[in-house]
N, C-alpha and C. Protein backbone atom coordinates (compact mmCIF):
# COMPACT_ATOMS: atom_id res chain seq x y z
N MET A 1 -10.83 -2.49 26.47
CA MET A 1 -10.53 -1.66 25.32
C MET A 1 -11.28 -0.34 25.45
N GLY A 2 -10.56 0.72 25.63
CA GLY A 2 -11.19 1.99 25.88
C GLY A 2 -11.34 2.90 24.68
N LYS A 3 -10.69 2.60 23.57
CA LYS A 3 -10.72 3.51 22.44
C LYS A 3 -11.77 3.07 21.43
N ASN A 4 -12.43 4.07 20.83
CA ASN A 4 -13.39 3.72 19.79
C ASN A 4 -12.67 3.56 18.46
N LEU A 5 -13.37 3.03 17.49
CA LEU A 5 -12.79 2.70 16.20
C LEU A 5 -12.25 3.93 15.47
N ASP A 6 -12.95 5.05 15.57
CA ASP A 6 -12.47 6.27 14.91
C ASP A 6 -11.17 6.77 15.53
N ASP A 7 -11.06 6.70 16.84
CA ASP A 7 -9.83 7.13 17.51
C ASP A 7 -8.66 6.22 17.11
N LEU A 8 -8.91 4.92 17.08
CA LEU A 8 -7.86 3.98 16.68
C LEU A 8 -7.43 4.22 15.24
N ALA A 9 -8.39 4.42 14.35
CA ALA A 9 -8.07 4.67 12.94
C ALA A 9 -7.22 5.92 12.80
N ARG A 10 -7.57 6.96 13.53
CA ARG A 10 -6.80 8.21 13.48
C ARG A 10 -5.37 7.97 13.96
N GLU A 11 -5.23 7.20 15.02
CA GLU A 11 -3.89 6.89 15.54
C GLU A 11 -3.07 6.08 14.53
N VAL A 12 -3.72 5.12 13.86
CA VAL A 12 -3.01 4.33 12.85
C VAL A 12 -2.54 5.24 11.72
N ILE A 13 -3.42 6.12 11.27
CA ILE A 13 -3.07 7.05 10.20
C ILE A 13 -1.90 7.94 10.62
N ASN A 14 -1.89 8.35 11.87
CA ASN A 14 -0.83 9.22 12.38
C ASN A 14 0.45 8.48 12.73
N GLY A 15 0.44 7.15 12.62
CA GLY A 15 1.64 6.36 12.88
C GLY A 15 1.86 5.95 14.32
N THR A 16 0.89 6.20 15.18
CA THR A 16 1.02 5.85 16.59
C THR A 16 1.24 4.36 16.80
N TRP A 17 0.64 3.55 15.94
CA TRP A 17 0.72 2.10 16.06
C TRP A 17 1.77 1.50 15.13
N SER A 18 2.74 2.28 14.71
CA SER A 18 3.78 1.85 13.78
C SER A 18 3.16 1.62 12.42
N ASN A 19 3.72 0.71 11.63
CA ASN A 19 3.14 0.44 10.32
C ASN A 19 3.39 -1.00 9.90
N GLY A 20 2.78 -1.41 8.81
CA GLY A 20 2.96 -2.76 8.30
C GLY A 20 2.56 -3.84 9.28
N GLU A 21 3.30 -4.93 9.24
CA GLU A 21 2.99 -6.07 10.11
C GLU A 21 3.12 -5.71 11.59
N GLU A 22 3.98 -4.77 11.90
CA GLU A 22 4.16 -4.38 13.30
C GLU A 22 2.87 -3.82 13.89
N HIS A 23 2.20 -2.92 13.15
CA HIS A 23 0.96 -2.38 13.72
C HIS A 23 -0.14 -3.42 13.70
N HIS A 24 -0.12 -4.32 12.74
CA HIS A 24 -1.08 -5.42 12.71
C HIS A 24 -0.94 -6.24 13.99
N ALA A 25 0.28 -6.67 14.28
CA ALA A 25 0.54 -7.49 15.47
C ALA A 25 0.23 -6.73 16.76
N HIS A 26 0.61 -5.45 16.81
CA HIS A 26 0.40 -4.66 18.02
C HIS A 26 -1.08 -4.47 18.31
N LEU A 27 -1.86 -4.15 17.28
CA LEU A 27 -3.31 -4.00 17.48
C LEU A 27 -3.93 -5.30 17.99
N ASN A 28 -3.60 -6.41 17.34
CA ASN A 28 -4.16 -7.69 17.77
C ASN A 28 -3.71 -8.07 19.17
N ALA A 29 -2.43 -7.82 19.49
CA ALA A 29 -1.90 -8.18 20.81
C ALA A 29 -2.55 -7.38 21.93
N THR A 30 -3.03 -6.18 21.61
CA THR A 30 -3.66 -5.35 22.64
C THR A 30 -5.18 -5.52 22.65
N GLY A 31 -5.68 -6.50 21.88
CA GLY A 31 -7.09 -6.84 21.94
C GLY A 31 -7.99 -6.16 20.92
N TYR A 32 -7.41 -5.43 20.00
CA TYR A 32 -8.21 -4.78 18.97
C TYR A 32 -8.26 -5.65 17.73
N ASN A 33 -9.32 -5.52 16.96
CA ASN A 33 -9.48 -6.28 15.74
C ASN A 33 -8.84 -5.51 14.59
N TYR A 34 -7.72 -6.02 14.11
CA TYR A 34 -6.97 -5.34 13.06
C TYR A 34 -7.83 -5.07 11.83
N ASP A 35 -8.58 -6.07 11.38
CA ASP A 35 -9.36 -5.91 10.16
C ASP A 35 -10.40 -4.80 10.29
N MET A 36 -11.03 -4.71 11.44
CA MET A 36 -12.02 -3.64 11.65
C MET A 36 -11.35 -2.27 11.66
N VAL A 37 -10.22 -2.17 12.34
CA VAL A 37 -9.50 -0.90 12.41
C VAL A 37 -9.01 -0.51 11.01
N GLN A 38 -8.42 -1.46 10.29
CA GLN A 38 -7.89 -1.16 8.96
C GLN A 38 -9.01 -0.77 7.99
N SER A 39 -10.15 -1.38 8.14
CA SER A 39 -11.29 -1.03 7.31
C SER A 39 -11.70 0.42 7.55
N ARG A 40 -11.69 0.84 8.81
CA ARG A 40 -12.03 2.23 9.14
C ARG A 40 -10.95 3.19 8.62
N VAL A 41 -9.68 2.79 8.73
CA VAL A 41 -8.58 3.60 8.18
C VAL A 41 -8.79 3.79 6.69
N ASN A 42 -9.08 2.71 5.98
CA ASN A 42 -9.30 2.78 4.54
C ASN A 42 -10.45 3.71 4.20
N ALA A 43 -11.53 3.63 4.96
CA ALA A 43 -12.69 4.49 4.72
C ALA A 43 -12.31 5.96 4.95
N LYS A 44 -11.57 6.24 6.02
CA LYS A 44 -11.17 7.61 6.31
C LYS A 44 -10.25 8.18 5.23
N LEU A 45 -9.46 7.30 4.61
CA LEU A 45 -8.54 7.74 3.56
C LEU A 45 -9.19 7.74 2.18
N GLY A 46 -10.45 7.32 2.13
CA GLY A 46 -11.20 7.36 0.87
C GLY A 46 -11.01 6.16 -0.02
N TYR A 47 -10.45 5.07 0.52
CA TYR A 47 -10.30 3.86 -0.27
C TYR A 47 -11.64 3.14 -0.30
N SER A 48 -12.03 2.63 -1.44
CA SER A 48 -13.35 2.04 -1.56
C SER A 48 -13.33 0.56 -1.93
N PHE A 49 -12.19 -0.11 -1.79
CA PHE A 49 -12.16 -1.53 -2.11
C PHE A 49 -12.67 -2.36 -0.94
N VAL A 50 -13.07 -3.58 -1.23
CA VAL A 50 -13.61 -4.47 -0.22
C VAL A 50 -12.58 -5.53 0.11
N LEU A 51 -12.33 -5.74 1.40
CA LEU A 51 -11.42 -6.79 1.82
C LEU A 51 -12.13 -8.13 1.72
N GLN A 52 -11.43 -9.13 1.23
CA GLN A 52 -12.03 -10.47 1.11
C GLN A 52 -11.27 -11.45 1.95
């Protein structure tokens, strides 16, 4: 895995990884942790809720 979390989050925001369940599956299939990436995306977008 060569990309850092900030780069992945930026790509998700920009739609590079598709959206919805498709990007969830694609991130996991390529070895990235969806929950960690999505948490960073949420932080970058200013969302302050906690995933449980």
